[in-house]
Amino acid sequence: MAVDVLDVLAVIFGILFTIRKLDSSRREAQDYPHVDPGAFEAWRRRESGIYSAGSLACFLKIVLDVGFLLLVAPGLPPSLVHVIGAIIDLAWLAMIVVTLVRASAARKERRRLDIVLR
């Protein structure tokens, strides 16, 4: 079984999303006294959720790819294997795009709230 470039990218994105999730999760409202605590908590929950979903999508892509190729694909015609593989890859890519768009909106909200991450 050859190494899939998209699986490597899924690992990289998954690590980056996990780091971002952990970074936003460890922030505390008292570190930003100029920000309303309710608004801060809403931002933190939203940003953590966004990156959690992106990280989960990366993990699932790798598990589905490997599981499909090892358990299901050997009994299927090659054309069907390609179609199902493409569906897995495109679904993952769509989730990455959604994560990046939602993360961009969360960054705008962070700037609006004047939350500066150091």
PDB file of N, CA and C in Angstrom:
ATOM      1  N   MET A   1       0.851  -1.179   0.000  1.00  0.00           N
ATOM      2  CA  MET A   1       0.000   0.000   0.000  1.00  0.00           C
ATOM      3  C   MET A   1       0.892   1.236   0.000  1.00  0.00           C
ATOM      4  N   ALA A   2       0.712   2.085  -0.989  1.00  0.00           N
ATOM      5  CA  ALA A   2       1.524   3.294  -1.133  1.00  0.00           C
ATOM      6  C   ALA A   2       1.019   4.389  -0.192  1.00  0.00           C
ATOM      7  N   VAL A   3       1.895   5.328   0.092  1.00  0.00           N
ATOM      8  CA  VAL A   3       1.535   6.468   0.933  1.00  0.00           C
ATOM      9  C   VAL A   3       0.729   7.451   0.090  1.00  0.00           C
ATOM     10  N   ASP A   4      -0.439   7.814   0.583  1.00  0.00           N
ATOM     11  CA  ASP A   4      -1.315   8.762  -0.106  1.00  0.00           C
ATOM     12  C   ASP A   4      -0.954  10.173   0.355  1.00  0.00           C
ATOM     13  N   VAL A   5      -0.713  11.049  -0.596  1.00  0.00           N
ATOM     14  CA  VAL A   5      -0.342  12.431  -0.280  1.00  0.00           C
ATOM     15  C   VAL A   5      -1.441  13.098   0.538  1.00  0.00           C
ATOM     16  N   LEU A   6      -2.698  12.796   0.226  1.00  0.00           N
ATOM     17  CA  LEU A   6      -3.797  13.407   0.976  1.00  0.00           C
ATOM     18  C   LEU A   6      -3.837  12.914   2.424  1.00  0.00           C
ATOM     19  N   ASP A   7      -3.414  11.674   2.654  1.00  0.00           N
ATOM     20  CA  ASP A   7      -3.328  11.190   4.039  1.00  0.00           C
ATOM     21  C   ASP A   7      -2.245  11.947   4.806  1.00  0.00           C
ATOM     22  N   VAL A   8      -1.141  12.219   4.151  1.00  0.00           N
ATOM     23  CA  VAL A   8      -0.077  13.003   4.788  1.00  0.00           C
ATOM     24  C   VAL A   8      -0.594  14.399   5.107  1.00  0.00           C
ATOM     25  N   LEU A   9      -1.301  15.011   4.160  1.00  0.00           N
ATOM     26  CA  LEU A   9      -1.883  16.331   4.415  1.00  0.00           C
ATOM     27  C   LEU A   9      -2.915  16.275   5.541  1.00  0.00           C
ATOM     28  N   ALA A  10      -3.682  15.195   5.610  1.00  0.00           N
ATOM     29  CA  ALA A  10      -4.664  15.046   6.688  1.00  0.00           C
ATOM     30  C   ALA A  10      -3.971  14.994   8.048  1.00  0.00           C
ATOM     31  N   VAL A  11      -2.839  14.311   8.124  1.00  0.00           N
ATOM     32  CA  VAL A  11      -2.079  14.264   9.374  1.00  0.00           C
ATOM     33  C   VAL A  11      -1.585  15.664   9.742  1.00  0.00           C
ATOM     34  N   ILE A  12      -1.040  16.379   8.768  1.00  0.00           N
ATOM     35  CA  ILE A  12      -0.513  17.725   9.024  1.00  0.00           C
ATOM     36  C   ILE A  12      -1.626  18.666   9.466  1.00  0.00           C
ATOM     37  N   PHE A  13      -2.745  18.684   8.706  1.00  0.00           N
ATOM     38  CA  PHE A  13      -3.875  19.538   9.090  1.00  0.00           C
ATOM     39  C   PHE A  13      -4.429  19.127  10.449  1.00  0.00           C
ATOM     40  N   GLY A  14      -4.518  17.830  10.686  1.00  0.00           N
ATOM     41  CA  GLY A  14      -5.028  17.352  11.967  1.00  0.00           C
ATOM     42  C   GLY A  14      -4.189  17.833  13.132  1.00  0.00           C
ATOM     43  N   ILE A  15      -2.876  17.791  12.977  1.00  0.00           N
ATOM     44  CA  ILE A  15      -1.979  18.280  14.031  1.00  0.00           C
ATOM     45  C   ILE A  15      -2.154  19.784  14.223  1.00  0.00           C
ATOM     46  N   LEU A  16      -2.187  20.525  13.116  1.00  0.00           N
ATOM     47  CA  LEU A  16      -2.357  21.988  13.213  1.00  0.00           C
ATOM     48  C   LEU A  16      -3.686  22.356  13.864  1.00  0.00           C
ATOM     49  N   PHE A  17      -4.766  21.677  13.468  1.00  0.00           N
ATOM     50  CA  PHE A  17      -6.068  21.966  14.059  1.00  0.00           C
ATOM     51  C   PHE A  17      -6.090  21.612  15.546  1.00  0.00           C
ATOM     52  N   THR A  18      -5.454  20.522  15.913  1.00  0.00           N
ATOM     53  CA  THR A  18      -5.406  20.130  17.324  1.00  0.00           C
ATOM     54  C   THR A  18      -4.634  21.153  18.146  1.00  0.00           C
ATOM     55  N   ILE A  19      -3.535  21.636  17.624  1.00  0.00           N
ATOM     56  CA  ILE A  19      -2.754  22.661  18.330  1.00  0.00           C
ATOM     57  C   ILE A  19      -3.595  23.919  18.523  1.00  0.00           C
ATOM     58  N   ARG A  20      -4.296  24.347  17.455  1.00  0.00           N
ATOM     59  CA  ARG A  20      -5.140  25.549  17.551  1.00  0.00           C
ATOM     60  C   ARG A  20      -6.260  25.341  18.566  1.00  0.00           C
ATOM     61  N   LYS A  21      -6.859  24.156  18.560  1.00  0.00           N
ATOM     62  CA  LYS A  21      -7.929  23.853  19.513  1.00  0.00           C
ATOM     63  C   LYS A  21      -7.412  23.920  20.944  1.00  0.00           C
ATOM     64  N   LEU A  22      -6.261  23.304  21.186  1.00  0.00           N
ATOM     65  CA  LEU A  22      -5.690  23.320  22.530  1.00  0.00           C
ATOM     66  C   LEU A  22      -5.307  24.738  22.953  1.00  0.00           C
ATOM     67  N   ASP A  23      -4.799  25.525  22.015  1.00  0.00           N
ATOM     68  CA  ASP A  23      -4.423  26.898  22.316  1.00  0.00           C
ATOM     69  C   ASP A  23      -5.638  27.728  22.724  1.00  0.00           C
ATOM     70  N   SER A  24      -6.713  27.619  21.969  1.00  0.00           N
ATOM     71  CA  SER A  24      -7.896  28.411  22.317  1.00  0.00           C
ATOM     72  C   SER A  24      -8.565  27.870  23.579  1.00  0.00           C
ATOM     73  N   SER A  25      -8.521  26.568  23.797  1.00  0.00           N
ATOM     74  CA  SER A  25      -9.159  25.974  24.980  1.00  0.00           C
ATOM     75  C   SER A  25      -8.476  26.371  26.281  1.00  0.00           C
ATOM     76  N   ARG A  26      -7.193  26.608  26.234  1.00  0.00           N
ATOM     77  CA  ARG A  26      -6.468  26.924  27.475  1.00  0.00           C
ATOM     78  C   ARG A  26      -6.584  28.389  27.872  1.00  0.00           C
ATOM     79  N   ARG A  27      -7.140  29.213  27.015  1.00  0.00           N
ATOM     80  CA  ARG A  27      -7.304  30.639  27.331  1.00  0.00           C
ATOM     81  C   ARG A  27      -8.375  30.815  28.395  1.00  0.00           C
ATOM     82  N   GLU A  28      -8.169  31.803  29.254  1.00  0.00           N
ATOM     83  CA  GLU A  28      -9.114  32.086  30.331  1.00  0.00           C
ATOM     84  C   GLU A  28      -9.617  33.517  30.210  1.00  0.00           C
ATOM     85  N   ALA A  29     -10.868  33.718  30.566  1.00  0.00           N
ATOM     86  CA  ALA A  29     -11.484  35.051  30.461  1.00  0.00           C
ATOM     87  C   ALA A  29     -10.767  36.075  31.331  1.00  0.00           C
ATOM     88  N   GLN A  30     -10.259  35.661  32.487  1.00  0.00           N
ATOM     89  CA  GLN A  30      -9.596  36.620  33.381  1.00  0.00           C
ATOM     90  C   GLN A  30      -8.291  37.164  32.787  1.00  0.00           C
ATOM     91  N   ASP A  31      -7.736  36.490  31.790  1.00  0.00           N
ATOM     92  CA  ASP A  31      -6.537  36.994  31.129  1.00  0.00           C
ATOM     93  C   ASP A  31      -6.853  38.149  30.180  1.00  0.00           C
ATOM     94  N   TYR A  32      -8.139  38.364  29.930  1.00  0.00           N
ATOM     95  CA  TYR A  32      -8.590  39.432  29.024  1.00  0.00           C
ATOM     96  C   TYR A  32      -9.682  40.234  29.730  1.00  0.00           C
ATOM     97  N   PRO A  33      -9.299  41.028  30.735  1.00  0.00           N
ATOM     98  CA  PRO A  33     -10.297  41.735  31.543  1.00  0.00           C
ATOM     99  C   PRO A  33     -11.117  42.754  30.746  1.00  0.00           C
ATOM    100  N   HIS A  34     -10.612  43.196  29.611  1.00  0.00           N
ATOM    101  CA  HIS A  34     -11.326  44.184  28.808  1.00  0.00           C
ATOM    102  C   HIS A  34     -12.432  43.545  27.957  1.00  0.00           C
ATOM    103  N   VAL A  35     -12.530  42.207  27.970  1.00  0.00           N
ATOM    104  CA  VAL A  35     -13.522  41.493  27.167  1.00  0.00           C
ATOM    105  C   VAL A  35     -14.616  40.965  28.087  1.00  0.00           C
ATOM    106  N   ASP A  36     -15.857  41.149  27.666  1.00  0.00           N
ATOM    107  CA  ASP A  36     -16.992  40.610  28.415  1.00  0.00           C
ATOM    108  C   ASP A  36     -16.804  39.099  28.567  1.00  0.00           C
ATOM    109  N   PRO A  37     -16.868  38.572  29.786  1.00  0.00           N
ATOM    110  CA  PRO A  37     -16.641  37.132  30.001  1.00  0.00           C
ATOM    111  C   PRO A  37     -17.578  36.239  29.185  1.00  0.00           C
ATOM    112  N   GLY A  38     -18.825  36.644  29.026  1.00  0.00           N
ATOM    113  CA  GLY A  38     -19.759  35.848  28.237  1.00  0.00           C
ATOM    114  C   GLY A  38     -19.351  35.789  26.771  1.00  0.00           C
ATOM    115  N   ALA A  39     -18.934  36.924  26.232  1.00  0.00           N
ATOM    116  CA  ALA A  39     -18.488  36.974  24.832  1.00  0.00           C
ATOM    117  C   ALA A  39     -17.208  36.169  24.655  1.00  0.00           C
ATOM    118  N   PHE A  40     -16.331  36.254  25.659  1.00  0.00           N
ATOM    119  CA  PHE A  40     -15.083  35.501  25.584  1.00  0.00           C
ATOM    120  C   PHE A  40     -15.367  33.998  25.567  1.00  0.00           C
ATOM    121  N   GLU A  41     -16.226  33.547  26.474  1.00  0.00           N
ATOM    122  CA  GLU A  41     -16.538  32.120  26.539  1.00  0.00           C
ATOM    123  C   GLU A  41     -17.210  31.637  25.260  1.00  0.00           C
ATOM    124  N   ALA A  42     -18.080  32.465  24.696  1.00  0.00           N
ATOM    125  CA  ALA A  42     -18.738  32.092  23.434  1.00  0.00           C
ATOM    126  C   ALA A  42     -17.697  31.957  22.320  1.00  0.00           C
ATOM    127  N   TRP A  43     -16.766  32.900  22.260  1.00  0.00           N
ATOM    128  CA  TRP A  43     -15.707  32.819  21.244  1.00  0.00           C
ATOM    129  C   TRP A  43     -14.859  31.561  21.455  1.00  0.00           C
ATOM    130  N   ARG A  44     -14.474  31.329  22.699  1.00  0.00           N
ATOM    131  CA  ARG A  44     -13.605  30.178  22.988  1.00  0.00           C
ATOM    132  C   ARG A  44     -14.290  28.857  22.643  1.00  0.00           C
ATOM    133  N   ARG A  45     -15.547  28.715  23.014  1.00  0.00           N
ATOM    134  CA  ARG A  45     -16.292  27.482  22.679  1.00  0.00           C
ATOM    135  C   ARG A  45     -16.418  27.319  21.172  1.00  0.00           C
ATOM    136  N   ARG A  46     -16.705  28.422  20.498  1.00  0.00           N
ATOM    137  CA  ARG A  46     -16.874  28.367  19.041  1.00  0.00           C
ATOM    138  C   ARG A  46     -15.562  27.965  18.364  1.00  0.00           C
ATOM    139  N   GLU A  47     -14.469  28.637  18.724  1.00  0.00           N
ATOM    140  CA  GLU A  47     -13.189  28.340  18.077  1.00  0.00           C
ATOM    141  C   GLU A  47     -12.713  26.923  18.402  1.00  0.00           C
ATOM    142  N   SER A  48     -12.872  26.491  19.628  1.00  0.00           N
ATOM    143  CA  SER A  48     -12.498  25.118  19.984  1.00  0.00           C
ATOM    144  C   SER A  48     -13.324  24.108  19.205  1.00  0.00           C
ATOM    145  N   GLY A  49     -14.603  24.373  19.055  1.00  0.00           N
ATOM    146  CA  GLY A  49     -15.477  23.480  18.307  1.00  0.00           C
ATOM    147  C   GLY A  49     -15.115  23.391  16.837  1.00  0.00           C
ATOM    148  N   ILE A  50     -14.768  24.534  16.269  1.00  0.00           N
ATOM    149  CA  ILE A  50     -14.373  24.569  14.858  1.00  0.00           C
ATOM    150  C   ILE A  50     -13.152  23.688  14.633  1.00  0.00           C
ATOM    151  N   TYR A  51     -12.129  23.898  15.461  1.00  0.00           N
ATOM    152  CA  TYR A  51     -10.898  23.134  15.282  1.00  0.00           C
ATOM    153  C   TYR A  51     -11.064  21.669  15.679  1.00  0.00           C
ATOM    154  N   SER A  52     -11.946  21.384  16.631  1.00  0.00           N
ATOM    155  CA  SER A  52     -12.222  19.984  16.983  1.00  0.00           C
ATOM    156  C   SER A  52     -12.843  19.247  15.805  1.00  0.00           C
ATOM    157  N   ALA A  53     -13.795  19.890  15.143  1.00  0.00           N
ATOM    158  CA  ALA A  53     -14.443  19.265  13.986  1.00  0.00           C
ATOM    159  C   ALA A  53     -13.436  19.034  12.854  1.00  0.00           C
ATOM    160  N   GLY A  54     -12.566  20.005  12.612  1.00  0.00           N
ATOM    161  CA  GLY A  54     -11.552  19.844  11.571  1.00  0.00           C
ATOM    162  C   GLY A  54     -10.580  18.725  11.890  1.00  0.00           C
ATOM    163  N   SER A  55     -10.171  18.664  13.148  1.00  0.00           N
ATOM    164  CA  SER A  55      -9.255  17.608  13.580  1.00  0.00           C
ATOM    165  C   SER A  55      -9.911  16.238  13.465  1.00  0.00           C
ATOM    166  N   LEU A  56     -11.169  16.151  13.857  1.00  0.00           N
ATOM    167  CA  LEU A  56     -11.904  14.891  13.753  1.00  0.00           C
ATOM    168  C   LEU A  56     -12.035  14.457  12.294  1.00  0.00           C
ATOM    169  N   ALA A  57     -12.295  15.405  11.408  1.00  0.00           N
ATOM    170  CA  ALA A  57     -12.404  15.083   9.979  1.00  0.00           C
ATOM    171  C   ALA A  57     -11.096  14.492   9.460  1.00  0.00           C
ATOM    172  N   CYS A  58      -9.979  15.036   9.897  1.00  0.00           N
ATOM    173  CA  CYS A  58      -8.671  14.518   9.465  1.00  0.00           C
ATOM    174  C   CYS A  58      -8.442  13.105   9.984  1.00  0.00           C
ATOM    175  N   PHE A  59      -8.763  12.888  11.246  1.00  0.00           N
ATOM    176  CA  PHE A  59      -8.608  11.560  11.839  1.00  0.00           C
ATOM    177  C   PHE A  59      -9.494  10.542  11.125  1.00  0.00           C
ATOM    178  N   LEU A  60     -10.759  10.911  10.897  1.00  0.00           N
ATOM    179  CA  LEU A  60     -11.679   9.997  10.238  1.00  0.00           C
ATOM    180  C   LEU A  60     -11.264   9.694   8.801  1.00  0.00           C
ATOM    181  N   LYS A  61     -10.707  10.677   8.103  1.00  0.00           N
ATOM    182  CA  LYS A  61     -10.252  10.462   6.735  1.00  0.00           C
ATOM    183  C   LYS A  61      -9.190   9.365   6.691  1.00  0.00           C
ATOM    184  N   ILE A  62      -8.258   9.437   7.599  1.00  0.00           N
ATOM    185  CA  ILE A  62      -7.179   8.450   7.630  1.00  0.00           C
ATOM    186  C   ILE A  62      -7.727   7.071   7.998  1.00  0.00           C
ATOM    187  N   VAL A  63      -8.567   7.010   9.018  1.00  0.00           N
ATOM    188  CA  VAL A  63      -9.145   5.728   9.443  1.00  0.00           C
ATOM    189  C   VAL A  63     -10.008   5.136   8.336  1.00  0.00           C
ATOM    190  N   LEU A  64     -10.849   5.965   7.713  1.00  0.00           N
ATOM    191  CA  LEU A  64     -11.699   5.465   6.630  1.00  0.00           C
ATOM    192  C   LEU A  64     -10.871   4.990   5.438  1.00  0.00           C
ATOM    193  N   ASP A  65      -9.851   5.764   5.078  1.00  0.00           N
ATOM    194  CA  ASP A  65      -8.988   5.368   3.959  1.00  0.00           C
ATOM    195  C   ASP A  65      -8.340   4.016   4.208  1.00  0.00           C
ATOM    196  N   VAL A  66      -7.695   3.886   5.338  1.00  0.00           N
ATOM    197  CA  VAL A  66      -6.983   2.643   5.645  1.00  0.00           C
ATOM    198  C   VAL A  66      -7.963   1.487   5.796  1.00  0.00           C
ATOM    199  N   GLY A  67      -9.043   1.714   6.534  1.00  0.00           N
ATOM    200  CA  GLY A  67     -10.037   0.657   6.724  1.00  0.00           C
ATOM    201  C   GLY A  67     -10.663   0.222   5.417  1.00  0.00           C
ATOM    202  N   PHE A  68     -10.999   1.186   4.581  1.00  0.00           N
ATOM    203  CA  PHE A  68     -11.595   0.855   3.289  1.00  0.00           C
ATOM    204  C   PHE A  68     -10.622   0.061   2.424  1.00  0.00           C
ATOM    205  N   LEU A  69      -9.385   0.539   2.340  1.00  0.00           N
ATOM    206  CA  LEU A  69      -8.412  -0.141   1.482  1.00  0.00           C
ATOM    207  C   LEU A  69      -8.060  -1.545   1.971  1.00  0.00           C
ATOM    208  N   LEU A  70      -8.029  -1.735   3.271  1.00  0.00           N
ATOM    209  CA  LEU A  70      -7.662  -3.045   3.805  1.00  0.00           C
ATOM    210  C   LEU A  70      -8.830  -4.020   3.906  1.00  0.00           C
ATOM    211  N   LEU A  71     -10.020  -3.510   4.231  1.00  0.00           N
ATOM    212  CA  LEU A  71     -11.133  -4.409   4.524  1.00  0.00           C
ATOM    213  C   LEU A  71     -12.159  -4.543   3.402  1.00  0.00           C
ATOM    214  N   VAL A  72     -12.408  -3.480   2.672  1.00  0.00           N
ATOM    215  CA  VAL A  72     -13.498  -3.492   1.700  1.00  0.00           C
ATOM    216  C   VAL A  72     -13.001  -3.547   0.264  1.00  0.00           C
ATOM    217  N   ALA A  73     -12.005  -2.758  -0.059  1.00  0.00           N
ATOM    218  CA  ALA A  73     -11.553  -2.599  -1.446  1.00  0.00           C
ATOM    219  C   ALA A  73     -11.114  -3.897  -2.128  1.00  0.00           C
ATOM    220  N   PRO A  74     -10.477  -4.831  -1.424  1.00  0.00           N
ATOM    221  CA  PRO A  74     -10.024  -6.036  -2.142  1.00  0.00           C
ATOM    222  C   PRO A  74     -11.137  -6.807  -2.837  1.00  0.00           C
ATOM    223  N   GLY A  75     -12.369  -6.705  -2.385  1.00  0.00           N
ATOM    224  CA  GLY A  75     -13.466  -7.444  -3.001  1.00  0.00           C
ATOM    225  C   GLY A  75     -14.257  -6.644  -4.014  1.00  0.00           C
ATOM    226  N   LEU A  76     -13.850  -5.426  -4.286  1.00  0.00           N
ATOM    227  CA  LEU A  76     -14.609  -4.555  -5.190  1.00  0.00           C
ATOM    228  C   LEU A  76     -13.878  -4.346  -6.512  1.00  0.00           C
ATOM    229  N   PRO A  77     -14.636  -4.021  -7.555  1.00  0.00           N
ATOM    230  CA  PRO A  77     -13.992  -3.689  -8.836  1.00  0.00           C
ATOM    231  C   PRO A  77     -13.188  -2.391  -8.698  1.00  0.00           C
ATOM    232  N   PRO A  78     -12.064  -2.280  -9.411  1.00  0.00           N
ATOM    233  CA  PRO A  78     -11.214  -1.093  -9.299  1.00  0.00           C
ATOM    234  C   PRO A  78     -11.938   0.232  -9.537  1.00  0.00           C
ATOM    235  N   SER A  79     -12.882   0.252 -10.472  1.00  0.00           N
ATOM    236  CA  SER A  79     -13.586   1.515 -10.749  1.00  0.00           C
ATOM    237  C   SER A  79     -14.395   1.961  -9.529  1.00  0.00           C
ATOM    238  N   LEU A  80     -15.007   1.035  -8.826  1.00  0.00           N
ATOM    239  CA  LEU A  80     -15.773   1.370  -7.626  1.00  0.00           C
ATOM    240  C   LEU A  80     -14.847   1.803  -6.491  1.00  0.00           C
ATOM    241  N   VAL A  81     -13.693   1.160  -6.401  1.00  0.00           N
ATOM    242  CA  VAL A  81     -12.705   1.548  -5.392  1.00  0.00           C
ATOM    243  C   VAL A  81     -12.287   3.002  -5.607  1.00  0.00           C
ATOM    244  N   HIS A  82     -12.065   3.383  -6.860  1.00  0.00           N
ATOM    245  CA  HIS A  82     -11.670   4.763  -7.162  1.00  0.00           C
ATOM    246  C   HIS A  82     -12.775   5.755  -6.806  1.00  0.00           C
ATOM    247  N   VAL A  83     -14.012   5.382  -7.097  1.00  0.00           N
ATOM    248  CA  VAL A  83     -15.140   6.274  -6.805  1.00  0.00           C
ATOM    249  C   VAL A  83     -15.293   6.463  -5.301  1.00  0.00           C
ATOM    250  N   ILE A  84     -15.268   5.386  -4.556  1.00  0.00           N
ATOM    251  CA  ILE A  84     -15.424   5.479  -3.099  1.00  0.00           C
ATOM    252  C   ILE A  84     -14.237   6.230  -2.491  1.00  0.00           C
ATOM    253  N   GLY A  85     -13.034   5.962  -2.976  1.00  0.00           N
ATOM    254  CA  GLY A  85     -11.858   6.695  -2.502  1.00  0.00           C
ATOM    255  C   GLY A  85     -11.978   8.180  -2.779  1.00  0.00           C
ATOM    256  N   ALA A  86     -12.487   8.529  -3.950  1.00  0.00           N
ATOM    257  CA  ALA A  86     -12.673   9.945  -4.297  1.00  0.00           C
ATOM    258  C   ALA A  86     -13.721  10.595  -3.393  1.00  0.00           C
ATOM    259  N   ILE A  87     -14.774   9.858  -3.072  1.00  0.00           N
ATOM    260  CA  ILE A  87     -15.813  10.391  -2.177  1.00  0.00           C
ATOM    261  C   ILE A  87     -15.222  10.681  -0.801  1.00  0.00           C
ATOM    262  N   ILE A  88     -14.417   9.761  -0.291  1.00  0.00           N
ATOM    263  CA  ILE A  88     -13.772   9.978   1.013  1.00  0.00           C
ATOM    264  C   ILE A  88     -12.874  11.210   0.958  1.00  0.00           C
ATOM    265  N   ASP A  89     -12.064  11.311  -0.094  1.00  0.00           N
ATOM    266  CA  ASP A  89     -11.139  12.446  -0.222  1.00  0.00           C
ATOM    267  C   ASP A  89     -11.880  13.770  -0.394  1.00  0.00           C
ATOM    268  N   LEU A  90     -12.931  13.784  -1.214  1.00  0.00           N
ATOM    269  CA  LEU A  90     -13.673  15.022  -1.448  1.00  0.00           C
ATOM    270  C   LEU A  90     -14.458  15.459  -0.213  1.00  0.00           C
ATOM    271  N   ALA A  91     -15.004  14.496   0.529  1.00  0.00           N
ATOM    272  CA  ALA A  91     -15.703  14.840   1.768  1.00  0.00           C
ATOM    273  C   ALA A  91     -14.728  15.454   2.769  1.00  0.00           C
ATOM    274  N   TRP A  92     -13.530  14.875   2.866  1.00  0.00           N
ATOM    275  CA  TRP A  92     -12.511  15.431   3.760  1.00  0.00           C
ATOM    276  C   TRP A  92     -12.112  16.831   3.304  1.00  0.00           C
ATOM    277  N   LEU A  93     -11.879  16.992   2.016  1.00  0.00           N
ATOM    278  CA  LEU A  93     -11.496  18.303   1.485  1.00  0.00           C
ATOM    279  C   LEU A  93     -12.580  19.339   1.756  1.00  0.00           C
ATOM    280  N   ALA A  94     -13.836  18.969   1.591  1.00  0.00           N
ATOM    281  CA  ALA A  94     -14.941  19.889   1.881  1.00  0.00           C
ATOM    282  C   ALA A  94     -14.929  20.297   3.349  1.00  0.00           C
ATOM    283  N   MET A  95     -14.669  19.342   4.230  1.00  0.00           N
ATOM    284  CA  MET A  95     -14.624  19.657   5.663  1.00  0.00           C
ATOM    285  C   MET A  95     -13.444  20.574   5.995  1.00  0.00           C
ATOM    286  N   ILE A  96     -12.327  20.396   5.312  1.00  0.00           N
ATOM    287  CA  ILE A  96     -11.179  21.279   5.526  1.00  0.00           C
ATOM    288  C   ILE A  96     -11.542  22.702   5.110  1.00  0.00           C
ATOM    289  N   VAL A  97     -12.197  22.837   3.962  1.00  0.00           N
ATOM    290  CA  VAL A  97     -12.607  24.168   3.494  1.00  0.00           C
ATOM    291  C   VAL A  97     -13.580  24.796   4.486  1.00  0.00           C
ATOM    292  N   VAL A  98     -14.558  24.026   4.947  1.00  0.00           N
ATOM    293  CA  VAL A  98     -15.517  24.532   5.930  1.00  0.00           C
ATOM    294  C   VAL A  98     -14.789  24.960   7.207  1.00  0.00           C
ATOM    295  N   THR A  99     -13.853  24.155   7.660  1.00  0.00           N
ATOM    296  CA  THR A  99     -13.089  24.489   8.870  1.00  0.00           C
ATOM    297  C   THR A  99     -12.313  25.784   8.680  1.00  0.00           C
ATOM    298  N   LEU A 100     -11.650  25.931   7.554  1.00  0.00           N
ATOM    299  CA  LEU A 100     -10.851  27.135   7.314  1.00  0.00           C
ATOM    300  C   LEU A 100     -11.728  28.374   7.200  1.00  0.00           C
ATOM    301  N   VAL A 101     -12.884  28.258   6.570  1.00  0.00           N
ATOM    302  CA  VAL A 101     -13.804  29.403   6.450  1.00  0.00           C
ATOM    303  C   VAL A 101     -14.345  29.779   7.827  1.00  0.00           C
ATOM    304  N   ARG A 102     -14.775  28.790   8.591  1.00  0.00           N
ATOM    305  CA  ARG A 102     -15.305  29.066   9.935  1.00  0.00           C
ATOM    306  C   ARG A 102     -14.205  29.602  10.858  1.00  0.00           C
ATOM    307  N   ALA A 103     -12.990  29.106  10.719  1.00  0.00           N
ATOM    308  CA  ALA A 103     -11.874  29.596  11.535  1.00  0.00           C
ATOM    309  C   ALA A 103     -11.561  31.045  11.197  1.00  0.00           C
ATOM    310  N   SER A 104     -11.683  31.405   9.933  1.00  0.00           N
ATOM    311  CA  SER A 104     -11.466  32.793   9.525  1.00  0.00           C
ATOM    312  C   SER A 104     -12.496  33.701  10.191  1.00  0.00           C
ATOM    313  N   ALA A 105     -13.746  33.263  10.227  1.00  0.00           N
ATOM    314  CA  ALA A 105     -14.788  34.050  10.896  1.00  0.00           C
ATOM    315  C   ALA A 105     -14.516  34.157  12.394  1.00  0.00           C
ATOM    316  N   ALA A 106     -14.019  33.095  13.001  1.00  0.00           N
ATOM    317  CA  ALA A 106     -13.694  33.119  14.430  1.00  0.00           C
ATOM    318  C   ALA A 106     -12.528  34.066  14.703  1.00  0.00           C
ATOM    319  N   ARG A 107     -11.557  34.120  13.785  1.00  0.00           N
ATOM    320  CA  ARG A 107     -10.445  35.063  13.947  1.00  0.00           C
ATOM    321  C   ARG A 107     -10.933  36.502  13.859  1.00  0.00           C
ATOM    322  N   LYS A 108     -11.878  36.763  12.966  1.00  0.00           N
ATOM    323  CA  LYS A 108     -12.454  38.111  12.863  1.00  0.00           C
ATOM    324  C   LYS A 108     -13.156  38.481  14.162  1.00  0.00           C
ATOM    325  N   GLU A 109     -13.888  37.531  14.716  1.00  0.00           N
ATOM    326  CA  GLU A 109     -14.568  37.765  15.996  1.00  0.00           C
ATOM    327  C   GLU A 109     -13.545  38.010  17.100  1.00  0.00           C
ATOM    328  N   ARG A 110     -12.456  37.257  17.091  1.00  0.00           N
ATOM    329  CA  ARG A 110     -11.394  37.449  18.085  1.00  0.00           C
ATOM    330  C   ARG A 110     -10.805  38.846  17.977  1.00  0.00           C
ATOM    331  N   ARG A 111     -10.544  39.306  16.751  1.00  0.00           N
ATOM    332  CA  ARG A 111     -10.022  40.671  16.565  1.00  0.00           C
ATOM    333  C   ARG A 111     -11.034  41.715  17.007  1.00  0.00           C
ATOM    334  N   ARG A 112     -12.316  41.478  16.705  1.00  0.00           N
ATOM    335  CA  ARG A 112     -13.360  42.421  17.106  1.00  0.00           C
ATOM    336  C   ARG A 112     -13.437  42.532  18.626  1.00  0.00           C
ATOM    337  N   LEU A 113     -13.256  41.407  19.311  1.00  0.00           N
ATOM    338  CA  LEU A 113     -13.273  41.406  20.767  1.00  0.00           C
ATOM    339  C   LEU A 113     -11.953  41.893  21.367  1.00  0.00           C
ATOM    340  N   ASP A 114     -10.962  42.109  20.543  1.00  0.00           N
ATOM    341  CA  ASP A 114      -9.621  42.542  20.962  1.00  0.00           C
ATOM    342  C   ASP A 114      -8.957  41.491  21.860  1.00  0.00           C
ATOM    343  N   ILE A 115      -9.077  40.233  21.444  1.00  0.00           N
ATOM    344  CA  ILE A 115      -8.386  39.142  22.131  1.00  0.00           C
ATOM    345  C   ILE A 115      -7.099  38.909  21.362  1.00  0.00           C
ATOM    346  N   VAL A 116      -5.987  39.217  21.985  1.00  0.00           N
ATOM    347  CA  VAL A 116      -4.680  39.072  21.349  1.00  0.00           C
ATOM    348  C   VAL A 116      -4.018  37.833  21.939  1.00  0.00           C
ATOM    349  N   LEU A 117      -3.754  36.864  21.060  1.00  0.00           N
ATOM    350  CA  LEU A 117      -3.091  35.627  21.510  1.00  0.00           C
ATOM    351  C   LEU A 117      -1.581  35.829  21.420  1.00  0.00           C
ATOM    352  N   ARG A 118      -0.900  35.594  22.517  1.00  0.00           N
ATOM    353  CA  ARG A 118       0.544  35.761  22.562  1.00  0.00           C
ATOM    354  C   ARG A 118       1.218  34.423  22.627  1.00  0.00           C
TER     355      ARG A 118
END
